[in-house]
Amino acid sequence: MEPIRRVVTGHDEGGRAVVVDDGPVEPITLSLLPGFETTELWHTNETPAMRDDLGSPGAPTYFPPPGGTVLRVVTFPPDSSGMLAPDFDFAAALDEANEKVPDLVAKLEPDNPGMHTTDSVDYGIVLEGELDLELDDGVTTTVRPGTIVVQRGTRHAWRNRSDRPARMAFVLVGATPAG
């Protein structure tokens, strides 16, 4: 798959709109999930004030705080590619995942791989491939390029039952947890 290119606009000293950054963004990969990539493009920690703090590259945590945002592109390998080598060091891979994607591992359910619930409203846009969105009840909805998914803090998992990688863009908006 093609690398993700990020173009960031801003202002010069005279207040004119300019491109301040333009180039590819390296994805984060995990030994724990071969073929999985998450490209952290931008984040804000709270509602930004125009021309003051309009966010920064990357994401300090995988999920945004209440009022914060995260923009990322995720590549999901085919589920069938998840076979690990017999000498795979699971403990080292888990340590790596905890280092590279803070708080993601804590949200994943150990008894149901991939299933998780977040304190956010997520807008997901399918860019390439085909995925099944699985919810609590095991019912799945197949999504393809051009489909937009609005996740509202629901328990879910993404399943790639095809033989090709699939790619989605996500905008996460941090919400205040209920209760």
N, C-alpha and C. Protein backbone atom coordinates (compact mmCIF):
# COMPACT_ATOMS: atom_id res chain seq x y z
N MET A 1 0.84 -1.18 0.00
CA MET A 1 0.00 0.00 0.00
C MET A 1 0.89 1.24 0.00
N GLU A 2 0.38 2.28 -0.61
CA GLU A 2 1.12 3.53 -0.70
C GLU A 2 1.29 4.17 0.68
N PRO A 3 2.42 4.84 0.92
CA PRO A 3 2.58 5.55 2.19
C PRO A 3 1.57 6.71 2.28
N ILE A 4 1.23 7.06 3.49
CA ILE A 4 0.30 8.16 3.73
C ILE A 4 1.09 9.47 3.67
N ARG A 5 0.61 10.40 2.87
CA ARG A 5 1.23 11.73 2.76
C ARG A 5 0.39 12.71 3.57
N ARG A 6 1.07 13.49 4.44
CA ARG A 6 0.39 14.50 5.24
C ARG A 6 0.81 15.88 4.75
N VAL A 7 -0.17 16.74 4.46
CA VAL A 7 0.06 18.14 4.10
C VAL A 7 -0.56 18.98 5.20
N VAL A 8 0.26 19.81 5.84
CA VAL A 8 -0.20 20.64 6.95
C VAL A 8 -0.08 22.11 6.56
N THR A 9 -1.15 22.86 6.75
CA THR A 9 -1.12 24.30 6.47
C THR A 9 -0.93 25.08 7.76
N GLY A 10 -0.52 26.30 7.61
CA GLY A 10 -0.33 27.20 8.75
C GLY A 10 -0.24 28.62 8.22
N HIS A 11 0.46 29.46 8.98
CA HIS A 11 0.59 30.87 8.59
C HIS A 11 2.05 31.29 8.68
N ASP A 12 2.45 32.17 7.77
CA ASP A 12 3.80 32.73 7.85
C ASP A 12 3.77 33.94 8.79
N GLU A 13 4.91 34.61 8.90
CA GLU A 13 5.02 35.75 9.81
C GLU A 13 4.05 36.87 9.47
N GLY A 14 3.67 36.95 8.21
CA GLY A 14 2.74 37.99 7.78
C GLY A 14 1.28 37.57 7.85
N GLY A 15 1.03 36.37 8.36
CA GLY A 15 -0.35 35.90 8.50
C GLY A 15 -0.92 35.24 7.26
N ARG A 16 -0.09 35.04 6.23
CA ARG A 16 -0.55 34.41 4.99
C ARG A 16 -0.57 32.89 5.15
N ALA A 17 -1.56 32.24 4.54
CA ALA A 17 -1.66 30.78 4.57
C ALA A 17 -0.52 30.17 3.76
N VAL A 18 0.16 29.19 4.38
CA VAL A 18 1.27 28.50 3.72
C VAL A 18 1.24 27.02 4.10
N VAL A 19 1.90 26.20 3.31
CA VAL A 19 2.11 24.81 3.66
C VAL A 19 3.34 24.77 4.57
N VAL A 20 3.18 24.22 5.77
CA VAL A 20 4.30 24.18 6.72
C VAL A 20 4.94 22.79 6.80
N ASP A 21 4.26 21.79 6.28
CA ASP A 21 4.81 20.44 6.28
C ASP A 21 4.15 19.65 5.16
N ASP A 22 4.93 18.88 4.44
CA ASP A 22 4.41 18.07 3.34
C ASP A 22 5.33 16.87 3.17
N GLY A 23 4.82 15.70 3.47
CA GLY A 23 5.64 14.52 3.27
C GLY A 23 5.01 13.27 3.84
N PRO A 24 5.67 12.13 3.60
CA PRO A 24 5.13 10.87 4.09
C PRO A 24 5.26 10.76 5.61
N VAL A 25 4.36 10.00 6.20
CA VAL A 25 4.39 9.75 7.65
C VAL A 25 4.61 8.26 7.84
N GLU A 26 5.62 7.92 8.62
CA GLU A 26 5.95 6.52 8.86
C GLU A 26 4.90 5.88 9.77
N PRO A 27 4.38 4.71 9.39
CA PRO A 27 3.41 4.04 10.24
C PRO A 27 4.09 3.34 11.42
N ILE A 28 3.31 3.10 12.45
CA ILE A 28 3.75 2.29 13.58
C ILE A 28 3.35 0.86 13.25
N THR A 29 4.28 -0.07 13.38
CA THR A 29 3.98 -1.48 13.16
C THR A 29 4.20 -2.23 14.47
N LEU A 30 3.55 -3.36 14.61
CA LEU A 30 3.63 -4.14 15.85
C LEU A 30 3.94 -5.60 15.53
N SER A 31 4.92 -6.16 16.21
CA SER A 31 5.21 -7.59 16.07
C SER A 31 4.01 -8.42 16.50
N LEU A 32 3.25 -7.91 17.47
CA LEU A 32 2.09 -8.61 18.00
C LEU A 32 1.01 -8.81 16.96
N LEU A 33 0.93 -7.89 15.98
CA LEU A 33 -0.10 -7.95 14.93
C LEU A 33 0.58 -7.81 13.57
N PRO A 34 1.19 -8.87 13.05
CA PRO A 34 1.89 -8.77 11.77
C PRO A 34 0.98 -8.22 10.67
N GLY A 35 1.49 -7.22 9.94
CA GLY A 35 0.73 -6.60 8.85
C GLY A 35 -0.11 -5.42 9.28
N PHE A 36 -0.34 -5.26 10.59
CA PHE A 36 -1.11 -4.12 11.11
C PHE A 36 -0.24 -2.89 11.09
N GLU A 37 -0.79 -1.77 10.63
CA GLU A 37 -0.09 -0.48 10.65
C GLU A 37 -1.06 0.58 11.15
N THR A 38 -0.57 1.49 11.97
CA THR A 38 -1.36 2.64 12.37
C THR A 38 -0.51 3.88 12.12
N THR A 39 -1.02 4.77 11.31
CA THR A 39 -0.30 5.98 10.95
C THR A 39 -0.94 7.14 11.69
N GLU A 40 -0.23 7.63 12.69
CA GLU A 40 -0.74 8.69 13.56
C GLU A 40 -0.45 10.03 12.87
N LEU A 41 -1.50 10.70 12.41
CA LEU A 41 -1.33 11.89 11.59
C LEU A 41 -1.40 13.20 12.36
N TRP A 42 -2.32 13.30 13.32
CA TRP A 42 -2.51 14.59 14.00
C TRP A 42 -3.32 14.37 15.25
N HIS A 43 -3.18 15.26 16.23
CA HIS A 43 -4.01 15.20 17.43
C HIS A 43 -4.17 16.58 18.04
N THR A 44 -5.23 16.74 18.81
CA THR A 44 -5.40 17.90 19.69
C THR A 44 -5.81 17.36 21.06
N ASN A 45 -5.42 18.06 22.12
CA ASN A 45 -5.77 17.62 23.46
C ASN A 45 -7.05 18.26 23.97
N GLU A 46 -7.49 19.30 23.31
CA GLU A 46 -8.73 19.99 23.67
C GLU A 46 -9.16 20.81 22.47
N THR A 47 -10.33 21.44 22.58
CA THR A 47 -10.78 22.27 21.47
C THR A 47 -9.76 23.38 21.27
N PRO A 48 -9.16 23.45 20.08
CA PRO A 48 -8.09 24.44 19.86
C PRO A 48 -8.64 25.85 19.65
N ALA A 49 -7.79 26.83 20.00
CA ALA A 49 -8.09 28.23 19.70
C ALA A 49 -7.43 28.54 18.36
N MET A 50 -8.16 29.15 17.45
CA MET A 50 -7.61 29.44 16.13
C MET A 50 -6.30 30.21 16.24
N ARG A 51 -5.33 29.76 15.46
CA ARG A 51 -3.99 30.33 15.34
C ARG A 51 -3.16 30.21 16.62
N ASP A 52 -3.66 29.59 17.65
CA ASP A 52 -2.85 29.42 18.85
C ASP A 52 -2.32 28.00 18.90
N ASP A 53 -3.14 27.08 19.36
CA ASP A 53 -2.71 25.69 19.46
C ASP A 53 -3.63 24.84 18.61
N LEU A 54 -3.22 24.61 17.39
CA LEU A 54 -4.05 23.84 16.47
C LEU A 54 -3.62 22.38 16.37
N GLY A 55 -2.98 21.89 17.42
CA GLY A 55 -2.60 20.49 17.47
C GLY A 55 -1.18 20.25 17.03
N SER A 56 -0.82 18.97 16.99
CA SER A 56 0.52 18.60 16.59
C SER A 56 0.54 17.21 15.97
N PRO A 57 1.64 16.91 15.27
CA PRO A 57 1.75 15.62 14.61
C PRO A 57 1.71 14.47 15.60
N GLY A 58 1.32 13.32 15.08
CA GLY A 58 1.32 12.11 15.90
C GLY A 58 0.18 12.10 16.90
N ALA A 59 0.31 11.23 17.89
CA ALA A 59 -0.68 11.13 18.96
C ALA A 59 0.03 10.61 20.21
N PRO A 60 -0.03 11.36 21.32
CA PRO A 60 0.67 10.92 22.53
C PRO A 60 0.02 9.69 23.16
N THR A 61 -1.27 9.49 22.92
CA THR A 61 -1.97 8.28 23.35
C THR A 61 -2.81 7.82 22.17
N TYR A 62 -3.20 6.55 22.20
CA TYR A 62 -3.95 6.02 21.06
C TYR A 62 -5.35 6.60 20.98
N PHE A 63 -5.94 6.89 22.15
CA PHE A 63 -7.29 7.45 22.21
C PHE A 63 -7.23 8.85 22.78
N PRO A 64 -8.03 9.79 22.25
CA PRO A 64 -7.94 11.18 22.69
C PRO A 64 -8.63 11.39 24.04
N PRO A 65 -8.20 12.43 24.77
CA PRO A 65 -8.89 12.79 26.00
C PRO A 65 -10.23 13.45 25.66
N PRO A 66 -11.13 13.60 26.65
CA PRO A 66 -12.40 14.29 26.36
C PRO A 66 -12.14 15.65 25.70
N GLY A 67 -12.80 15.89 24.57
CA GLY A 67 -12.62 17.14 23.84
C GLY A 67 -11.44 17.14 22.89
N GLY A 68 -10.57 16.14 22.98
CA GLY A 68 -9.41 16.05 22.09
C GLY A 68 -9.77 15.26 20.84
N THR A 69 -8.86 15.25 19.88
CA THR A 69 -9.08 14.53 18.63
C THR A 69 -7.82 13.78 18.23
N VAL A 70 -8.02 12.76 17.42
CA VAL A 70 -6.90 12.03 16.80
C VAL A 70 -7.32 11.73 15.36
N LEU A 71 -6.38 11.92 14.43
CA LEU A 71 -6.56 11.53 13.04
C LEU A 71 -5.53 10.46 12.74
N ARG A 72 -5.99 9.32 12.22
CA ARG A 72 -5.06 8.23 11.88
C ARG A 72 -5.59 7.43 10.71
N VAL A 73 -4.68 6.71 10.07
CA VAL A 73 -5.03 5.74 9.04
C VAL A 73 -4.52 4.40 9.53
N VAL A 74 -5.38 3.38 9.48
CA VAL A 74 -5.03 2.05 9.96
C VAL A 74 -5.11 1.06 8.80
N THR A 75 -4.08 0.23 8.68
CA THR A 75 -4.07 -0.87 7.72
C THR A 75 -4.32 -2.16 8.49
N PHE A 76 -5.35 -2.90 8.10
CA PHE A 76 -5.71 -4.16 8.73
C PHE A 76 -5.27 -5.30 7.81
N PRO A 77 -4.37 -6.16 8.27
CA PRO A 77 -3.99 -7.31 7.43
C PRO A 77 -5.13 -8.32 7.39
N PRO A 78 -5.11 -9.23 6.43
CA PRO A 78 -6.12 -10.29 6.44
C PRO A 78 -6.04 -11.08 7.75
N ASP A 79 -7.18 -11.46 8.30
CA ASP A 79 -7.20 -12.23 9.55
C ASP A 79 -6.36 -13.49 9.42
N SER A 80 -6.32 -14.08 8.24
CA SER A 80 -5.58 -15.32 8.03
C SER A 80 -4.08 -15.14 8.14
N SER A 81 -3.59 -13.90 8.09
CA SER A 81 -2.14 -13.66 8.17
C SER A 81 -1.65 -13.59 9.61
N GLY A 82 -2.52 -13.79 10.57
CA GLY A 82 -2.17 -13.66 11.98
C GLY A 82 -1.43 -14.84 12.56
N MET A 83 -1.04 -15.79 11.75
CA MET A 83 -0.31 -16.95 12.27
C MET A 83 1.09 -16.52 12.68
N LEU A 84 1.45 -16.80 13.93
CA LEU A 84 2.75 -16.40 14.46
C LEU A 84 3.73 -17.58 14.39
N ALA A 85 4.99 -17.25 14.23
CA ALA A 85 6.03 -18.28 14.16
C ALA A 85 6.10 -19.02 15.50
N PRO A 86 6.51 -20.29 15.48
CA PRO A 86 6.58 -21.08 16.72
C PRO A 86 7.49 -20.45 17.77
N ASP A 87 8.52 -19.73 17.36
CA ASP A 87 9.45 -19.11 18.32
C ASP A 87 9.08 -17.66 18.64
N PHE A 88 7.85 -17.26 18.33
CA PHE A 88 7.40 -15.88 18.56
C PHE A 88 7.47 -15.55 20.05
N ASP A 89 8.07 -14.41 20.38
CA ASP A 89 8.22 -13.96 21.77
C ASP A 89 7.05 -13.05 22.12
N PHE A 90 5.97 -13.64 22.65
CA PHE A 90 4.74 -12.90 22.93
C PHE A 90 4.99 -11.79 23.95
N ALA A 91 5.75 -12.07 25.01
CA ALA A 91 5.99 -11.07 26.05
C ALA A 91 6.71 -9.85 25.48
N ALA A 92 7.72 -10.07 24.63
CA ALA A 92 8.45 -8.96 24.02
C ALA A 92 7.54 -8.17 23.08
N ALA A 93 6.69 -8.87 22.33
CA ALA A 93 5.77 -8.20 21.41
C ALA A 93 4.75 -7.37 22.18
N LEU A 94 4.29 -7.87 23.32
CA LEU A 94 3.35 -7.12 24.15
C LEU A 94 4.01 -5.87 24.73
N ASP A 95 5.26 -5.99 25.17
CA ASP A 95 6.01 -4.83 25.66
C ASP A 95 6.15 -3.78 24.56
N GLU A 96 6.47 -4.24 23.34
CA GLU A 96 6.62 -3.34 22.20
C GLU A 96 5.30 -2.61 21.93
N ALA A 97 4.19 -3.33 21.94
CA ALA A 97 2.88 -2.73 21.69
C ALA A 97 2.55 -1.69 22.75
N ASN A 98 2.84 -2.00 24.01
CA ASN A 98 2.57 -1.03 25.10
C ASN A 98 3.42 0.22 24.96
N GLU A 99 4.62 0.08 24.41
CA GLU A 99 5.50 1.23 24.21
C GLU A 99 5.06 2.08 23.02
N LYS A 100 4.68 1.43 21.91
CA LYS A 100 4.37 2.16 20.68
C LYS A 100 2.96 2.73 20.63
N VAL A 101 1.99 2.04 21.20
CA VAL A 101 0.60 2.50 21.15
C VAL A 101 0.02 2.51 22.57
N PRO A 102 0.45 3.52 23.35
CA PRO A 102 -0.02 3.61 24.73
C PRO A 102 -1.54 3.54 24.80
N ASP A 103 -2.04 2.81 25.69
CA ASP A 103 -3.45 2.60 26.06
C ASP A 103 -4.26 1.75 25.09
N LEU A 104 -3.76 1.39 23.92
CA LEU A 104 -4.52 0.52 23.02
C LEU A 104 -4.65 -0.88 23.60
N VAL A 105 -3.54 -1.45 24.05
CA VAL A 105 -3.55 -2.82 24.55
C VAL A 105 -4.51 -2.95 25.73
N ALA A 106 -4.58 -1.92 26.58
CA ALA A 106 -5.46 -1.96 27.75
C ALA A 106 -6.94 -2.02 27.35
N LYS A 107 -7.28 -1.51 26.18
CA LYS A 107 -8.68 -1.51 25.72
C LYS A 107 -9.08 -2.83 25.07
N LEU A 108 -8.10 -3.60 24.58
CA LEU A 108 -8.41 -4.86 23.89
C LEU A 108 -8.81 -5.95 24.88
N GLU A 109 -9.81 -6.73 24.53
CA GLU A 109 -10.31 -7.80 25.38
C GLU A 109 -9.50 -9.07 25.15
N PRO A 110 -8.81 -9.57 26.19
CA PRO A 110 -7.97 -10.76 26.02
C PRO A 110 -8.74 -11.99 25.55
N ASP A 111 -10.00 -12.13 25.97
CA ASP A 111 -10.78 -13.32 25.61
C ASP A 111 -11.45 -13.22 24.25
N ASN A 112 -11.40 -12.03 23.63
CA ASN A 112 -12.04 -11.84 22.33
C ASN A 112 -11.15 -10.91 21.51
N PRO A 113 -10.11 -11.45 20.86
CA PRO A 113 -9.13 -10.63 20.15
C PRO A 113 -9.76 -9.60 19.21
N GLY A 114 -9.29 -8.37 19.34
CA GLY A 114 -9.75 -7.28 18.50
C GLY A 114 -10.93 -6.52 19.06
N MET A 115 -11.72 -7.13 19.94
CA MET A 115 -12.90 -6.47 20.49
C MET A 115 -12.46 -5.43 21.52
N HIS A 116 -13.05 -4.24 21.43
CA HIS A 116 -12.71 -3.15 22.35
C HIS A 116 -13.84 -2.12 22.39
N THR A 117 -13.80 -1.28 23.42
CA THR A 117 -14.76 -0.18 23.59
C THR A 117 -13.95 1.06 23.92
N THR A 118 -14.30 2.18 23.30
CA THR A 118 -13.55 3.41 23.55
C THR A 118 -14.48 4.53 24.02
N ASP A 119 -13.90 5.51 24.71
CA ASP A 119 -14.62 6.70 25.15
C ASP A 119 -14.45 7.79 24.09
N SER A 120 -15.03 7.54 22.93
CA SER A 120 -14.89 8.49 21.83
C SER A 120 -15.99 8.28 20.81
N VAL A 121 -16.19 9.31 20.00
CA VAL A 121 -17.01 9.18 18.79
C VAL A 121 -15.99 9.08 17.67
N ASP A 122 -16.10 8.03 16.87
CA ASP A 122 -15.12 7.77 15.82
C ASP A 122 -15.81 7.83 14.46
N TYR A 123 -15.19 8.56 13.55
CA TYR A 123 -15.65 8.60 12.17
C TYR A 123 -14.65 7.80 11.36
N GLY A 124 -15.09 6.69 10.79
CA GLY A 124 -14.21 5.83 10.01
C GLY A 124 -14.61 5.83 8.56
N ILE A 125 -13.62 6.01 7.67
CA ILE A 125 -13.87 6.04 6.24
C ILE A 125 -13.04 4.93 5.60
N VAL A 126 -13.72 4.00 4.93
CA VAL A 126 -13.01 2.90 4.27
C VAL A 126 -12.34 3.45 3.01
N LEU A 127 -11.03 3.29 2.95
CA LEU A 127 -10.26 3.77 1.79
C LEU A 127 -9.96 2.67 0.79
N GLU A 128 -9.58 1.48 1.30
CA GLU A 128 -9.23 0.35 0.44
C GLU A 128 -9.67 -0.93 1.10
N GLY A 129 -10.02 -1.92 0.30
CA GLY A 129 -10.33 -3.24 0.82
C GLY A 129 -11.73 -3.38 1.39
N GLU A 130 -11.89 -4.43 2.18
CA GLU A 130 -13.20 -4.77 2.73
C GLU A 130 -13.02 -5.27 4.16
N LEU A 131 -13.85 -4.80 5.07
CA LEU A 131 -13.80 -5.19 6.47
C LEU A 131 -15.19 -5.55 6.96
N ASP A 132 -15.23 -6.38 8.00
CA ASP A 132 -16.48 -6.63 8.70
C ASP A 132 -16.40 -5.92 10.04
N LEU A 133 -17.41 -5.11 10.35
CA LEU A 133 -17.55 -4.46 11.64
C LEU A 133 -18.39 -5.40 12.50
N GLU A 134 -17.77 -5.92 13.56
CA GLU A 134 -18.47 -6.83 14.46
C GLU A 134 -18.84 -6.08 15.74
N LEU A 135 -20.08 -6.25 16.19
CA LEU A 135 -20.55 -5.60 17.41
C LEU A 135 -20.80 -6.64 18.50
N ASP A 136 -21.27 -6.16 19.67
CA ASP A 136 -21.54 -7.00 20.85
C ASP A 136 -22.16 -8.34 20.53
N ASP A 137 -23.21 -8.30 19.75
CA ASP A 137 -24.05 -9.47 19.54
C ASP A 137 -23.49 -10.45 18.49
N GLY A 138 -22.29 -10.16 17.97
CA GLY A 138 -21.68 -11.03 16.97
C GLY A 138 -22.15 -10.76 15.56
N VAL A 139 -23.13 -9.88 15.41
CA VAL A 139 -23.61 -9.53 14.07
C VAL A 139 -22.56 -8.66 13.40
N THR A 140 -22.31 -8.91 12.11
CA THR A 140 -21.31 -8.13 11.38
C THR A 140 -21.97 -7.35 10.24
N THR A 141 -21.35 -6.22 9.93
CA THR A 141 -21.74 -5.40 8.80
C THR A 141 -20.51 -5.24 7.93
N THR A 142 -20.60 -5.59 6.66
CA THR A 142 -19.46 -5.48 5.75
C THR A 142 -19.39 -4.05 5.22
N VAL A 143 -18.17 -3.49 5.26
CA VAL A 143 -17.96 -2.13 4.75
C VAL A 143 -16.88 -2.17 3.67
N ARG A 144 -17.08 -1.33 2.66
CA ARG A 144 -16.18 -1.27 1.51
C ARG A 144 -15.80 0.17 1.22
N PRO A 145 -14.87 0.43 0.29
CA PRO A 145 -14.46 1.80 0.00
C PRO A 145 -15.65 2.73 -0.25
N GLY A 146 -15.58 3.89 0.39
CA GLY A 146 -16.65 4.87 0.29
C GLY A 146 -17.63 4.81 1.44
N THR A 147 -17.60 3.71 2.22
CA THR A 147 -18.48 3.60 3.38
C THR A 147 -17.91 4.43 4.52
N ILE A 148 -18.80 5.13 5.23
CA ILE A 148 -18.42 5.91 6.41
C ILE A 148 -19.14 5.30 7.61
N VAL A 149 -18.38 4.99 8.65
CA VAL A 149 -18.91 4.39 9.86
C VAL A 149 -18.82 5.42 10.97
N VAL A 150 -19.92 5.62 11.71
CA VAL A 150 -19.92 6.48 12.88
C VAL A 150 -20.03 5.57 14.10
N GLN A 151 -18.93 5.45 14.84
CA GLN A 151 -18.86 4.63 16.05
C GLN A 151 -19.16 5.54 17.23
N ARG A 152 -20.11 5.20 18.06
CA ARG A 152 -20.50 6.05 19.18
C ARG A 152 -20.24 5.34 20.50
N GLY A 153 -18.96 5.07 20.77
CA GLY A 153 -18.58 4.44 22.03
C GLY A 153 -19.06 3.01 22.18
N THR A 154 -19.29 2.31 21.06
CA THR A 154 -19.80 0.95 21.12
C THR A 154 -18.68 -0.07 21.14
N ARG A 155 -18.97 -1.22 21.74
CA ARG A 155 -18.03 -2.35 21.76
C ARG A 155 -18.00 -2.93 20.34
N HIS A 156 -16.77 -3.07 19.79
CA HIS A 156 -16.66 -3.51 18.41
C HIS A 156 -15.28 -4.10 18.10
N ALA A 157 -15.19 -4.72 16.93
CA ALA A 157 -13.92 -5.22 16.39
C ALA A 157 -13.99 -5.11 14.88
N TRP A 158 -12.81 -4.96 14.28
CA TRP A 158 -12.69 -4.94 12.82
C TRP A 158 -12.10 -6.27 12.40
N ARG A 159 -12.77 -6.95 11.47
CA ARG A 159 -12.33 -8.26 10.98
C ARG A 159 -12.08 -8.15 9.48
N ASN A 160 -10.89 -8.58 9.06
CA ASN A 160 -10.55 -8.59 7.63
C ASN A 160 -10.55 -10.04 7.18
N ARG A 161 -11.68 -10.48 6.65
CA ARG A 161 -11.83 -11.88 6.22
C ARG A 161 -11.42 -12.07 4.75
N SER A 162 -10.93 -11.01 4.12
CA SER A 162 -10.49 -11.11 2.72
C SER A 162 -9.05 -11.60 2.68
N ASP A 163 -8.49 -11.64 1.48
CA ASP A 163 -7.09 -12.06 1.33
C ASP A 163 -6.17 -10.88 1.04
N ARG A 164 -6.68 -9.64 1.21
CA ARG A 164 -5.89 -8.43 0.95
C ARG A 164 -5.95 -7.50 2.16
N PRO A 165 -4.93 -6.68 2.37
CA PRO A 165 -5.02 -5.68 3.43
C PRO A 165 -6.16 -4.69 3.14
N ALA A 166 -6.71 -4.14 4.19
CA ALA A 166 -7.74 -3.11 4.09
C ALA A 166 -7.26 -1.88 4.85
N ARG A 167 -7.67 -0.70 4.39
CA ARG A 167 -7.20 0.54 5.01
C ARG A 167 -8.38 1.46 5.29
N MET A 168 -8.37 2.04 6.50
CA MET A 168 -9.41 2.99 6.90
C MET A 168 -8.77 4.23 7.50
N ALA A 169 -9.40 5.37 7.25
CA ALA A 169 -9.04 6.62 7.93
C ALA A 169 -10.01 6.81 9.08
N PHE A 170 -9.50 7.24 10.22
CA PHE A 170 -10.33 7.47 11.41
C PHE A 170 -10.09 8.85 11.98
N VAL A 171 -11.16 9.51 12.38
CA VAL A 171 -11.09 10.72 13.20
C VAL A 171 -11.79 10.35 14.50
N LEU A 172 -11.06 10.40 15.60
CA LEU A 172 -11.61 10.11 16.92
C LEU A 172 -11.80 11.41 17.68
N VAL A 173 -12.96 11.57 18.28
CA VAL A 173 -13.24 12.73 19.12
C VAL A 173 -13.48 12.22 20.53
N GLY A 174 -12.62 12.63 21.46
CA GLY A 174 -12.71 12.15 22.83
C GLY A 174 -14.00 12.58 23.50
N ALA A 175 -14.63 11.65 24.22
CA ALA A 175 -15.88 11.91 24.92
C ALA A 175 -15.66 11.69 26.42
N THR A 176 -16.53 12.27 27.22
CA THR A 176 -16.48 12.06 28.65
C THR A 176 -17.16 10.74 28.96
N PRO A 177 -16.47 9.83 29.67
CA PRO A 177 -17.08 8.53 29.97
C PRO A 177 -18.38 8.69 30.75
N ALA A 178 -19.34 7.80 30.49
CA ALA A 178 -20.63 7.83 31.21
C ALA A 178 -20.40 7.38 32.65
N GLY A 179 -21.21 7.92 33.56
CA GLY A 179 -21.17 7.48 34.95
C GLY A 179 -20.11 8.15 35.69
